[in-house]
């Protein structure tokens, strides 16, 4: 009788005393570090790890450098087969949303998809999905994103148009010098002819 009572008490009160570990999910971008020239494209892969709770949807959002454009995307084999919102950039915010309609994904390094981006602004940038992205739990649709592995991007090269502007400025300067030189030579010849005529008259 005493044993039965203890068993009942444990069944009722023990779950409230043991605090479950908070669910967490992590998004990773690869390559984690890359260097590209301005006006060239590079591809990034996105993956998700969630070992404590199944997830049903993901909203990828992060800040990109000014002038960045989406070239293409791929999602064959994605753990989120359905695309809700295609990859796009509004101002300087990249967005891509996908989901799955079953009981959710639970695992490590599940492939979300890949995106090819073209950069135009030189500088060092960090593509970090931790601040704006969301990973929705299958059970209650809460955001369980806890961490991320961002990508460091170094964009090298001149600002688009600066090279041509520099070339145009140089060409204009050379043109002015050549024109001035030609005008000076023409003026010298005219003055020489004028002196010759005056001498002959005298």
N, C-alpha and C. Protein backbone atom coordinates (compact mmCIF):
# COMPACT_ATOMS: atom_id res chain seq x y z
N UNK A 1 0.83 -1.20 0.00
CA UNK A 1 0.00 0.00 0.00
C UNK A 1 0.87 1.27 0.00
N UNK A 2 1.92 1.25 0.86
CA UNK A 2 2.82 2.40 0.92
C UNK A 2 3.56 2.59 -0.39
N UNK A 3 4.00 1.47 -0.97
CA UNK A 3 4.71 1.54 -2.26
C UNK A 3 3.81 2.11 -3.35
N UNK A 4 2.56 1.70 -3.34
CA UNK A 4 1.62 2.19 -4.35
C UNK A 4 1.40 3.69 -4.19
N UNK A 5 1.31 4.16 -2.92
CA UNK A 5 1.13 5.58 -2.67
C UNK A 5 2.34 6.38 -3.14
N UNK A 6 3.54 5.88 -2.89
CA UNK A 6 4.75 6.55 -3.34
C UNK A 6 4.81 6.62 -4.87
N UNK A 7 4.38 5.55 -5.51
CA UNK A 7 4.38 5.53 -6.97
C UNK A 7 3.43 6.58 -7.53
N UNK A 8 2.28 6.72 -6.91
CA UNK A 8 1.31 7.72 -7.37
C UNK A 8 1.85 9.13 -7.16
N UNK A 9 2.46 9.39 -5.99
CA UNK A 9 3.03 10.70 -5.71
C UNK A 9 4.15 11.06 -6.68
N UNK A 10 4.99 10.08 -6.99
CA UNK A 10 6.08 10.33 -7.96
C UNK A 10 5.55 10.65 -9.34
N UNK A 11 4.50 9.93 -9.72
CA UNK A 11 3.92 10.14 -11.04
C UNK A 11 3.29 11.52 -11.16
N UNK A 12 2.78 12.05 -10.06
CA UNK A 12 2.10 13.34 -10.08
C UNK A 12 3.09 14.50 -9.96
N UNK A 13 4.02 14.40 -9.02
CA UNK A 13 4.86 15.55 -8.69
C UNK A 13 6.24 15.55 -9.34
N UNK A 14 6.78 14.39 -9.67
CA UNK A 14 8.13 14.33 -10.22
C UNK A 14 8.28 15.09 -11.54
N UNK A 15 7.32 14.99 -12.49
CA UNK A 15 7.48 15.73 -13.75
C UNK A 15 7.58 17.23 -13.54
N UNK A 16 6.94 17.77 -12.50
CA UNK A 16 7.00 19.21 -12.26
C UNK A 16 8.33 19.62 -11.65
N UNK A 17 9.02 18.66 -11.01
CA UNK A 17 10.30 18.98 -10.39
C UNK A 17 11.45 18.91 -11.36
N UNK A 18 11.31 18.11 -12.42
CA UNK A 18 12.36 17.96 -13.44
C UNK A 18 12.06 18.91 -14.59
N UNK A 19 12.90 19.91 -14.76
CA UNK A 19 12.69 20.89 -15.82
C UNK A 19 13.31 20.39 -17.12
N UNK A 20 12.50 20.35 -18.15
CA UNK A 20 12.97 19.88 -19.45
C UNK A 20 13.91 20.91 -20.06
N UNK A 21 14.88 20.42 -20.85
CA UNK A 21 15.82 21.32 -21.52
C UNK A 21 15.06 22.13 -22.56
N UNK A 22 15.33 23.42 -22.68
CA UNK A 22 14.62 24.26 -23.65
C UNK A 22 14.94 23.81 -25.07
N UNK A 23 13.95 23.80 -25.92
CA UNK A 23 14.20 23.40 -27.31
C UNK A 23 15.09 24.42 -28.00
N UNK A 24 15.89 23.95 -28.93
CA UNK A 24 16.78 24.86 -29.64
C UNK A 24 17.01 24.35 -31.05
N UNK A 25 17.25 25.30 -31.94
CA UNK A 25 17.56 24.97 -33.33
C UNK A 25 18.66 25.90 -33.79
N UNK A 26 19.43 25.45 -34.77
CA UNK A 26 20.56 26.25 -35.26
C UNK A 26 20.58 26.24 -36.78
N UNK A 27 20.85 27.41 -37.35
CA UNK A 27 20.98 27.55 -38.80
C UNK A 27 22.45 27.80 -39.13
N UNK A 28 22.95 27.14 -40.16
CA UNK A 28 24.34 27.33 -40.57
C UNK A 28 24.41 27.72 -42.03
N UNK A 29 25.33 28.64 -42.35
CA UNK A 29 25.59 29.04 -43.73
C UNK A 29 26.99 28.60 -44.10
N UNK A 30 27.13 27.96 -45.24
CA UNK A 30 28.44 27.59 -45.75
C UNK A 30 28.59 28.08 -47.19
N UNK A 31 29.80 28.52 -47.56
CA UNK A 31 31.00 28.55 -46.75
C UNK A 31 30.89 29.61 -45.65
N UNK A 32 31.57 29.35 -44.53
CA UNK A 32 31.53 30.28 -43.41
C UNK A 32 32.37 31.52 -43.67
N UNK A 33 33.29 31.44 -44.64
CA UNK A 33 34.14 32.57 -44.98
C UNK A 33 34.48 32.49 -46.46
N UNK A 34 34.35 33.61 -47.16
CA UNK A 34 34.65 33.62 -48.59
C UNK A 34 35.05 35.02 -49.02
N UNK A 35 35.82 35.09 -50.10
CA UNK A 35 36.23 36.37 -50.68
C UNK A 35 35.85 36.37 -52.15
N UNK A 36 35.14 37.42 -52.56
CA UNK A 36 34.67 37.50 -53.94
C UNK A 36 34.96 38.89 -54.50
N UNK A 37 35.07 38.98 -55.81
CA UNK A 37 35.25 40.26 -56.46
C UNK A 37 33.89 40.91 -56.70
N UNK A 38 33.86 42.22 -56.66
CA UNK A 38 32.62 42.93 -56.92
C UNK A 38 32.09 42.57 -58.30
N UNK A 39 30.77 42.50 -58.40
CA UNK A 39 30.07 42.15 -59.65
C UNK A 39 30.26 40.69 -60.04
N UNK A 40 30.60 39.83 -59.08
CA UNK A 40 30.65 38.39 -59.33
C UNK A 40 29.69 37.68 -58.39
N UNK A 41 29.36 36.43 -58.71
CA UNK A 41 28.37 35.67 -57.95
C UNK A 41 29.03 34.58 -57.12
N UNK A 42 28.41 34.25 -56.00
CA UNK A 42 28.87 33.16 -55.15
C UNK A 42 27.67 32.47 -54.52
N UNK A 43 27.79 31.16 -54.27
CA UNK A 43 26.67 30.36 -53.77
C UNK A 43 26.84 30.03 -52.29
N UNK A 44 25.75 30.15 -51.55
CA UNK A 44 25.73 29.82 -50.13
C UNK A 44 24.71 28.71 -49.86
N UNK A 45 25.10 27.76 -49.01
CA UNK A 45 24.22 26.67 -48.62
C UNK A 45 23.70 26.90 -47.20
N UNK A 46 22.43 26.57 -46.99
CA UNK A 46 21.80 26.75 -45.68
C UNK A 46 21.37 25.39 -45.13
N UNK A 47 21.69 25.16 -43.85
CA UNK A 47 21.30 23.90 -43.21
C UNK A 47 20.73 24.17 -41.83
N UNK A 48 19.98 23.19 -41.31
CA UNK A 48 19.30 23.34 -40.03
C UNK A 48 19.55 22.13 -39.14
N UNK A 49 19.81 22.41 -37.88
CA UNK A 49 19.95 21.35 -36.88
C UNK A 49 18.93 21.58 -35.77
N UNK A 50 18.12 20.54 -35.50
CA UNK A 50 17.16 20.61 -34.39
C UNK A 50 17.03 19.20 -33.83
N UNK A 51 17.62 18.98 -32.67
CA UNK A 51 17.66 17.64 -32.09
C UNK A 51 16.70 17.45 -30.92
N UNK A 52 16.11 18.54 -30.44
CA UNK A 52 15.23 18.42 -29.28
C UNK A 52 13.75 18.56 -29.61
N UNK A 53 13.46 19.19 -30.74
CA UNK A 53 12.06 19.38 -31.11
C UNK A 53 11.92 19.45 -32.62
N UNK A 54 10.88 18.79 -33.14
CA UNK A 54 10.64 18.79 -34.58
C UNK A 54 10.20 20.17 -35.05
N UNK A 55 10.65 20.53 -36.24
CA UNK A 55 10.31 21.84 -36.80
C UNK A 55 9.55 21.67 -38.10
N UNK A 56 8.65 22.62 -38.37
CA UNK A 56 7.79 22.50 -39.55
C UNK A 56 8.01 23.59 -40.57
N UNK A 57 8.68 24.67 -40.21
CA UNK A 57 8.87 25.77 -41.16
C UNK A 57 10.09 26.60 -40.79
N UNK A 58 10.61 27.30 -41.79
CA UNK A 58 11.76 28.17 -41.56
C UNK A 58 11.58 29.45 -42.35
N UNK A 59 11.95 30.56 -41.73
CA UNK A 59 11.96 31.86 -42.40
C UNK A 59 13.37 32.40 -42.29
N UNK A 60 14.09 32.33 -43.40
CA UNK A 60 15.47 32.81 -43.44
C UNK A 60 15.47 34.31 -43.72
N UNK A 61 16.07 35.06 -42.81
CA UNK A 61 16.18 36.51 -42.99
C UNK A 61 17.52 36.99 -42.45
N UNK A 62 18.20 37.82 -43.23
CA UNK A 62 19.45 38.42 -42.77
C UNK A 62 19.78 39.62 -43.64
N UNK A 63 20.64 40.47 -43.12
CA UNK A 63 21.02 41.70 -43.83
C UNK A 63 22.14 41.42 -44.83
N UNK A 64 22.01 42.01 -46.02
CA UNK A 64 23.02 41.87 -47.06
C UNK A 64 23.56 43.25 -47.43
N UNK A 65 24.73 43.33 -48.07
CA UNK A 65 25.29 44.62 -48.46
C UNK A 65 24.39 45.33 -49.48
N UNK A 66 24.43 46.64 -49.53
CA UNK A 66 23.65 47.39 -50.54
C UNK A 66 24.01 46.94 -51.95
N UNK A 67 23.00 46.84 -52.80
CA UNK A 67 23.23 46.46 -54.18
C UNK A 67 23.27 44.97 -54.45
N UNK A 68 23.14 44.15 -53.40
CA UNK A 68 23.18 42.69 -53.58
C UNK A 68 21.91 42.21 -54.29
N UNK A 69 22.07 41.26 -55.21
CA UNK A 69 20.92 40.71 -55.93
C UNK A 69 20.93 39.18 -55.87
N UNK A 70 19.74 38.59 -55.99
CA UNK A 70 19.61 37.13 -56.03
C UNK A 70 19.74 36.68 -57.48
N UNK A 71 20.70 35.81 -57.73
CA UNK A 71 20.92 35.29 -59.09
C UNK A 71 20.08 34.04 -59.32
N UNK A 72 20.13 33.09 -58.37
CA UNK A 72 19.37 31.85 -58.51
C UNK A 72 19.28 31.16 -57.15
N UNK A 73 18.46 30.10 -57.11
CA UNK A 73 18.34 29.30 -55.88
C UNK A 73 18.09 27.85 -56.26
N UNK A 74 18.36 26.94 -55.31
CA UNK A 74 18.14 25.51 -55.53
C UNK A 74 17.62 24.90 -54.24
N UNK A 75 16.67 23.96 -54.35
CA UNK A 75 16.09 23.36 -53.15
C UNK A 75 15.83 21.86 -53.29
N UNK A 76 16.44 21.24 -54.30
CA UNK A 76 16.27 19.80 -54.47
C UNK A 76 16.82 19.06 -53.25
N UNK A 77 16.00 18.22 -52.62
CA UNK A 77 16.42 17.50 -51.43
C UNK A 77 16.26 18.29 -50.15
N UNK A 78 15.54 19.42 -50.20
CA UNK A 78 15.37 20.25 -49.01
C UNK A 78 14.51 19.55 -47.96
N UNK A 79 14.83 19.80 -46.69
CA UNK A 79 14.01 19.25 -45.60
C UNK A 79 12.69 20.01 -45.50
N UNK A 80 12.59 21.12 -46.20
CA UNK A 80 11.34 21.89 -46.31
C UNK A 80 10.96 21.96 -47.79
N UNK A 81 10.21 20.98 -48.28
CA UNK A 81 9.95 20.86 -49.72
C UNK A 81 9.11 21.98 -50.32
N UNK A 82 8.28 22.62 -49.52
CA UNK A 82 7.34 23.62 -50.05
C UNK A 82 7.88 25.02 -49.87
N UNK A 83 7.90 25.77 -50.97
CA UNK A 83 8.35 27.16 -50.92
C UNK A 83 7.16 28.08 -50.68
N UNK A 84 7.23 28.86 -49.62
CA UNK A 84 6.19 29.83 -49.30
C UNK A 84 6.51 31.19 -49.92
N UNK A 85 7.77 31.58 -49.80
CA UNK A 85 8.23 32.85 -50.36
C UNK A 85 9.58 32.63 -51.01
N UNK A 86 9.66 32.93 -52.30
CA UNK A 86 10.90 32.74 -53.04
C UNK A 86 11.98 33.69 -52.53
N UNK A 87 13.26 33.34 -52.71
CA UNK A 87 14.35 34.22 -52.25
C UNK A 87 14.23 35.61 -52.87
N UNK A 88 14.29 36.61 -52.03
CA UNK A 88 14.16 37.99 -52.50
C UNK A 88 14.91 38.91 -51.56
N UNK A 89 15.20 40.12 -52.06
CA UNK A 89 15.88 41.13 -51.25
C UNK A 89 15.08 42.42 -51.32
N UNK A 90 14.67 42.90 -50.15
CA UNK A 90 13.98 44.17 -50.04
C UNK A 90 14.88 45.13 -49.28
N UNK A 91 15.24 46.23 -49.94
CA UNK A 91 16.25 47.14 -49.40
C UNK A 91 17.54 46.34 -49.15
N UNK A 92 17.87 46.04 -47.92
CA UNK A 92 19.07 45.24 -47.66
C UNK A 92 18.74 44.00 -46.82
N UNK A 93 17.50 43.52 -46.91
CA UNK A 93 17.09 42.34 -46.15
C UNK A 93 16.75 41.18 -47.09
N UNK A 94 17.49 40.08 -46.94
CA UNK A 94 17.23 38.86 -47.70
C UNK A 94 16.17 38.04 -46.98
N UNK A 95 15.21 37.47 -47.74
CA UNK A 95 14.14 36.66 -47.16
C UNK A 95 13.90 35.43 -48.01
N UNK A 96 13.72 34.27 -47.32
CA UNK A 96 13.37 33.02 -47.99
C UNK A 96 12.59 32.17 -46.99
N UNK A 97 11.36 31.77 -47.35
CA UNK A 97 10.52 31.02 -46.42
C UNK A 97 10.08 29.69 -47.03
N UNK A 98 10.21 28.61 -46.22
CA UNK A 98 9.87 27.27 -46.68
C UNK A 98 9.22 26.50 -45.53
N UNK A 99 8.44 25.44 -45.88
CA UNK A 99 7.80 24.63 -44.85
C UNK A 99 7.65 23.19 -45.30
N UNK A 100 7.19 22.34 -44.37
CA UNK A 100 6.87 20.95 -44.67
C UNK A 100 5.53 20.65 -44.01
N UNK A 101 4.79 19.69 -44.57
CA UNK A 101 3.41 19.46 -44.14
C UNK A 101 3.24 18.20 -43.29
N UNK A 102 4.33 17.54 -42.90
CA UNK A 102 4.21 16.34 -42.07
C UNK A 102 4.42 16.68 -40.60
N UNK A 103 4.94 15.76 -39.83
CA UNK A 103 5.12 15.98 -38.39
C UNK A 103 6.40 16.72 -38.05
N UNK A 104 7.10 17.23 -39.04
CA UNK A 104 8.27 18.07 -38.79
C UNK A 104 9.60 17.37 -38.97
N UNK A 105 10.64 18.18 -39.01
CA UNK A 105 12.02 17.67 -39.17
C UNK A 105 12.72 17.64 -37.83
N UNK A 106 13.44 16.56 -37.60
CA UNK A 106 14.25 16.40 -36.39
C UNK A 106 15.56 15.75 -36.81
N UNK A 107 16.66 16.48 -36.67
CA UNK A 107 17.93 15.90 -37.10
C UNK A 107 19.05 16.92 -37.11
N UNK A 108 20.15 16.54 -37.75
CA UNK A 108 21.35 17.36 -37.77
C UNK A 108 21.74 17.72 -39.19
N UNK A 109 22.05 18.99 -39.41
CA UNK A 109 22.56 19.51 -40.69
C UNK A 109 21.64 19.17 -41.86
N UNK A 110 20.35 19.35 -41.66
CA UNK A 110 19.40 19.12 -42.75
C UNK A 110 19.48 20.24 -43.77
N UNK A 111 19.52 19.87 -45.05
CA UNK A 111 19.68 20.84 -46.13
C UNK A 111 18.40 21.64 -46.33
N UNK A 112 18.50 22.97 -46.19
CA UNK A 112 17.35 23.85 -46.46
C UNK A 112 17.32 24.24 -47.92
N UNK A 113 18.44 24.67 -48.45
CA UNK A 113 18.53 25.10 -49.84
C UNK A 113 19.81 25.89 -50.05
N UNK A 114 20.02 26.31 -51.29
CA UNK A 114 21.19 27.12 -51.62
C UNK A 114 20.76 28.33 -52.45
N UNK A 115 21.50 29.41 -52.29
CA UNK A 115 21.19 30.66 -52.99
C UNK A 115 22.48 31.24 -53.56
N UNK A 116 22.41 31.70 -54.79
CA UNK A 116 23.54 32.38 -55.41
C UNK A 116 23.28 33.88 -55.40
N UNK A 117 24.21 34.62 -54.80
CA UNK A 117 24.08 36.07 -54.67
C UNK A 117 25.17 36.78 -55.45
N UNK A 118 24.83 37.96 -55.95
CA UNK A 118 25.81 38.81 -56.62
C UNK A 118 26.02 40.08 -55.78
N UNK A 119 27.29 40.36 -55.46
CA UNK A 119 27.62 41.52 -54.63
C UNK A 119 28.22 42.64 -55.49
N UNK A 120 27.91 43.87 -55.14
CA UNK A 120 28.45 45.02 -55.86
C UNK A 120 29.21 45.99 -54.96
N UNK A 121 28.94 45.96 -53.66
CA UNK A 121 29.57 46.91 -52.73
C UNK A 121 30.82 46.32 -52.10
N UNK A 122 31.99 46.92 -52.31
CA UNK A 122 33.22 46.42 -51.68
C UNK A 122 33.18 46.58 -50.16
N UNK A 123 33.83 45.68 -49.46
CA UNK A 123 33.89 45.75 -48.00
C UNK A 123 33.80 44.38 -47.37
N UNK A 124 33.82 44.34 -46.05
CA UNK A 124 33.68 43.10 -45.29
C UNK A 124 32.29 43.05 -44.67
N UNK A 125 31.58 41.95 -44.90
CA UNK A 125 30.20 41.85 -44.45
C UNK A 125 29.95 40.51 -43.75
N UNK A 126 28.93 40.51 -42.89
CA UNK A 126 28.55 39.30 -42.16
C UNK A 126 27.10 38.97 -42.48
N UNK A 127 26.89 37.78 -43.05
CA UNK A 127 25.53 37.30 -43.31
C UNK A 127 25.12 36.44 -42.12
N UNK A 128 24.30 36.99 -41.24
CA UNK A 128 23.96 36.32 -39.99
C UNK A 128 22.45 36.18 -39.85
N UNK A 129 21.93 34.95 -39.94
CA UNK A 129 20.48 34.74 -39.85
C UNK A 129 19.92 34.73 -38.44
N UNK A 130 20.77 34.88 -37.43
CA UNK A 130 20.31 34.72 -36.05
C UNK A 130 19.32 35.80 -35.62
N UNK A 131 19.52 37.02 -36.04
CA UNK A 131 18.70 38.10 -35.54
C UNK A 131 17.29 38.17 -36.08
N UNK A 132 17.11 37.87 -37.37
CA UNK A 132 15.81 38.06 -38.01
C UNK A 132 15.10 36.76 -38.37
N UNK A 133 15.82 35.67 -38.50
CA UNK A 133 15.22 34.41 -38.95
C UNK A 133 14.35 33.76 -37.86
N UNK A 134 13.48 32.83 -38.33
CA UNK A 134 12.64 32.07 -37.40
C UNK A 134 12.60 30.61 -37.82
N UNK A 135 12.59 29.73 -36.82
CA UNK A 135 12.40 28.29 -37.03
C UNK A 135 11.20 27.89 -36.18
N UNK A 136 10.13 27.44 -36.82
CA UNK A 136 8.89 27.18 -36.11
C UNK A 136 8.76 25.72 -35.69
N UNK A 137 8.48 25.52 -34.41
CA UNK A 137 8.29 24.17 -33.87
C UNK A 137 6.98 23.58 -34.40
N UNK A 138 7.00 22.27 -34.66
CA UNK A 138 5.80 21.60 -35.15
C UNK A 138 4.69 21.59 -34.10
N UNK A 139 5.04 21.47 -32.83
CA UNK A 139 4.05 21.32 -31.76
C UNK A 139 3.20 22.56 -31.53
N UNK A 140 3.83 23.74 -31.50
CA UNK A 140 3.07 24.94 -31.17
C UNK A 140 3.43 26.17 -32.01
N UNK A 141 4.23 25.98 -33.07
CA UNK A 141 4.60 27.06 -33.99
C UNK A 141 5.38 28.20 -33.33
N UNK A 142 6.04 27.91 -32.23
CA UNK A 142 6.88 28.93 -31.61
C UNK A 142 8.26 28.94 -32.27
N UNK A 143 8.91 30.07 -32.19
CA UNK A 143 10.24 30.21 -32.77
C UNK A 143 11.28 29.60 -31.83
N UNK A 144 11.97 28.55 -32.29
CA UNK A 144 12.95 27.87 -31.43
C UNK A 144 14.38 28.06 -31.94
N UNK A 145 14.58 29.05 -32.80
CA UNK A 145 15.94 29.32 -33.27
C UNK A 145 16.78 29.88 -32.12
N UNK A 146 17.89 29.20 -31.83
CA UNK A 146 18.74 29.60 -30.70
C UNK A 146 20.09 30.15 -31.14
N UNK A 147 20.60 29.69 -32.28
CA UNK A 147 21.93 30.13 -32.68
C UNK A 147 22.10 29.98 -34.19
N UNK A 148 23.23 30.49 -34.68
CA UNK A 148 23.51 30.39 -36.11
C UNK A 148 25.01 30.38 -36.34
N UNK A 149 25.39 29.86 -37.50
CA UNK A 149 26.77 29.96 -37.98
C UNK A 149 26.75 30.88 -39.19
N UNK A 150 27.15 32.13 -39.02
CA UNK A 150 27.05 33.10 -40.13
C UNK A 150 28.15 32.91 -41.16
N UNK A 151 28.08 33.71 -42.22
CA UNK A 151 29.10 33.68 -43.27
C UNK A 151 29.77 35.04 -43.34
N UNK A 152 31.10 35.03 -43.32
CA UNK A 152 31.88 36.25 -43.48
C UNK A 152 32.22 36.42 -44.96
N UNK A 153 31.87 37.56 -45.51
CA UNK A 153 32.08 37.80 -46.94
C UNK A 153 32.95 39.05 -47.13
N UNK A 154 34.03 38.88 -47.87
CA UNK A 154 34.90 40.00 -48.22
C UNK A 154 34.73 40.28 -49.71
N UNK A 155 34.18 41.44 -50.03
CA UNK A 155 33.95 41.83 -51.42
C UNK A 155 35.06 42.80 -51.82
N UNK A 156 35.83 42.42 -52.81
CA UNK A 156 36.96 43.23 -53.25
C UNK A 156 36.65 43.89 -54.58
N UNK A 157 37.42 44.95 -54.91
CA UNK A 157 37.24 45.60 -56.20
C UNK A 157 36.66 46.98 -56.05
N UNK A 158 36.70 47.74 -57.16
CA UNK A 158 36.21 49.12 -57.16
C UNK A 158 34.69 49.14 -57.22
N UNK A 159 34.13 50.25 -56.76
CA UNK A 159 32.69 50.45 -56.86
C UNK A 159 32.33 50.51 -58.33
N UNK A 160 31.26 49.80 -58.75
CA UNK A 160 30.88 49.80 -60.16
C UNK A 160 30.76 51.22 -60.71
N UNK A 161 31.41 51.46 -61.85
CA UNK A 161 31.32 52.76 -62.48
C UNK A 161 32.51 53.65 -62.16
N UNK A 162 33.20 53.35 -61.04
CA UNK A 162 34.32 54.22 -60.66
C UNK A 162 35.47 54.10 -61.64
N UNK A 163 35.68 52.87 -62.16
CA UNK A 163 36.78 52.66 -63.10
C UNK A 163 36.52 53.40 -64.39
N UNK A 164 35.28 53.28 -64.88
CA UNK A 164 34.96 53.95 -66.13
C UNK A 164 34.97 55.46 -65.94
N UNK A 165 34.53 55.93 -64.75
CA UNK A 165 34.55 57.35 -64.49
C UNK A 165 35.98 57.86 -64.45
N UNK A 166 36.86 57.08 -63.80
CA UNK A 166 38.26 57.46 -63.73
C UNK A 166 38.88 57.50 -65.12
N UNK A 167 38.53 56.50 -65.94
CA UNK A 167 39.03 56.46 -67.30
C UNK A 167 38.54 57.63 -68.11
N UNK A 168 37.25 57.97 -67.93
CA UNK A 168 36.68 59.09 -68.66
C UNK A 168 37.34 60.40 -68.26
N UNK A 169 37.59 60.54 -66.94
CA UNK A 169 38.24 61.76 -66.46
C UNK A 169 39.65 61.89 -67.01
N UNK A 170 40.36 60.75 -67.03
CA UNK A 170 41.72 60.76 -67.57
C UNK A 170 41.71 61.09 -69.05
N UNK A 171 40.76 60.47 -69.77
CA UNK A 171 40.67 60.72 -71.21
C UNK A 171 40.34 62.18 -71.48
N UNK A 172 39.45 62.73 -70.64
CA UNK A 172 39.09 64.14 -70.82
C UNK A 172 40.30 65.04 -70.58
N UNK A 173 41.08 64.71 -69.53
CA UNK A 173 42.27 65.51 -69.22
C UNK A 173 43.27 65.45 -70.36
N UNK A 174 43.46 64.23 -70.88
CA UNK A 174 44.40 64.07 -72.00
C UNK A 174 43.91 64.83 -73.21
N UNK A 175 42.61 64.78 -73.46
CA UNK A 175 42.04 65.49 -74.59
C UNK A 175 42.25 66.98 -74.47
N UNK A 176 42.08 67.49 -73.24
CA UNK A 176 42.28 68.92 -73.03
C UNK A 176 43.74 69.30 -73.29
N UNK A 177 44.66 68.45 -72.78
CA UNK A 177 46.10 68.74 -72.98
C UNK A 177 46.47 68.68 -74.45
N UNK A 178 45.96 67.65 -75.14
CA UNK A 178 46.25 67.52 -76.58
C UNK A 178 45.69 68.71 -77.34
N UNK A 179 44.45 69.07 -76.99
CA UNK A 179 43.82 70.20 -77.66
C UNK A 179 44.57 71.50 -77.42
N UNK A 180 45.00 71.68 -76.15
CA UNK A 180 45.73 72.89 -75.83
C UNK A 180 47.06 72.94 -76.57
N UNK A 181 47.72 71.76 -76.62
CA UNK A 181 49.01 71.69 -77.32
C UNK A 181 48.84 72.00 -78.80
N UNK A 182 47.80 71.43 -79.41
CA UNK A 182 47.55 71.67 -80.84
C UNK A 182 47.23 73.14 -81.07
N UNK A 183 46.44 73.71 -80.16
CA UNK A 183 46.11 75.13 -80.31
C UNK A 183 47.34 76.01 -80.18
N UNK A 184 48.23 75.64 -79.25
CA UNK A 184 49.46 76.41 -79.06
C UNK A 184 50.34 76.35 -80.30
N UNK A 185 50.43 75.13 -80.88
CA UNK A 185 51.25 74.97 -82.09
C UNK A 185 50.66 75.77 -83.24
N UNK A 186 49.31 75.75 -83.36
CA UNK A 186 48.65 76.48 -84.44
C UNK A 186 48.87 77.98 -84.26
N UNK A 187 48.79 78.45 -83.02
CA UNK A 187 49.01 79.86 -82.74
C UNK A 187 50.44 80.26 -83.05
N UNK A 188 51.40 79.38 -82.69
CA UNK A 188 52.81 79.66 -82.97
C UNK A 188 53.04 79.78 -84.47
N UNK A 189 52.45 78.85 -85.25
CA UNK A 189 52.62 78.90 -86.70
C UNK A 189 52.02 80.19 -87.28
N UNK A 190 50.86 80.57 -86.76
CA UNK A 190 50.20 81.78 -87.25
C UNK A 190 51.05 83.02 -86.95
N UNK A 191 51.65 83.07 -85.76
CA UNK A 191 52.48 84.21 -85.39
C UNK A 191 53.75 84.25 -86.25
N UNK A 192 54.32 83.07 -86.54
CA UNK A 192 55.52 83.01 -87.38
C UNK A 192 55.24 83.52 -88.78
N UNK A 193 54.07 83.06 -89.33
CA UNK A 193 53.70 83.52 -90.67
C UNK A 193 53.47 85.03 -90.70
N UNK A 194 52.86 85.53 -89.63
CA UNK A 194 52.58 86.96 -89.56
C UNK A 194 53.87 87.77 -89.52
N UNK A 195 54.86 87.28 -88.75
CA UNK A 195 56.15 87.98 -88.68
C UNK A 195 56.85 87.94 -90.03
N UNK A 196 56.73 86.80 -90.74
CA UNK A 196 57.38 86.68 -92.04
C UNK A 196 56.81 87.70 -93.03
N UNK A 197 55.49 87.86 -93.02
CA UNK A 197 54.82 88.82 -93.90
C UNK A 197 55.23 90.25 -93.58
N UNK A 198 55.32 90.54 -92.29
CA UNK A 198 55.73 91.92 -91.90
C UNK A 198 57.17 92.21 -92.34
N UNK A 199 58.04 91.24 -92.19
CA UNK A 199 59.44 91.40 -92.60
C UNK A 199 59.58 91.62 -94.08
N UNK A 200 58.78 90.88 -94.85
CA UNK A 200 58.86 90.99 -96.31
C UNK A 200 58.36 92.35 -96.77
N UNK A 201 57.37 92.92 -96.08
CA UNK A 201 56.85 94.23 -96.44
C UNK A 201 57.86 95.32 -96.17
N UNK A 202 58.63 95.16 -95.08
CA UNK A 202 59.63 96.17 -94.76
C UNK A 202 60.79 96.11 -95.75
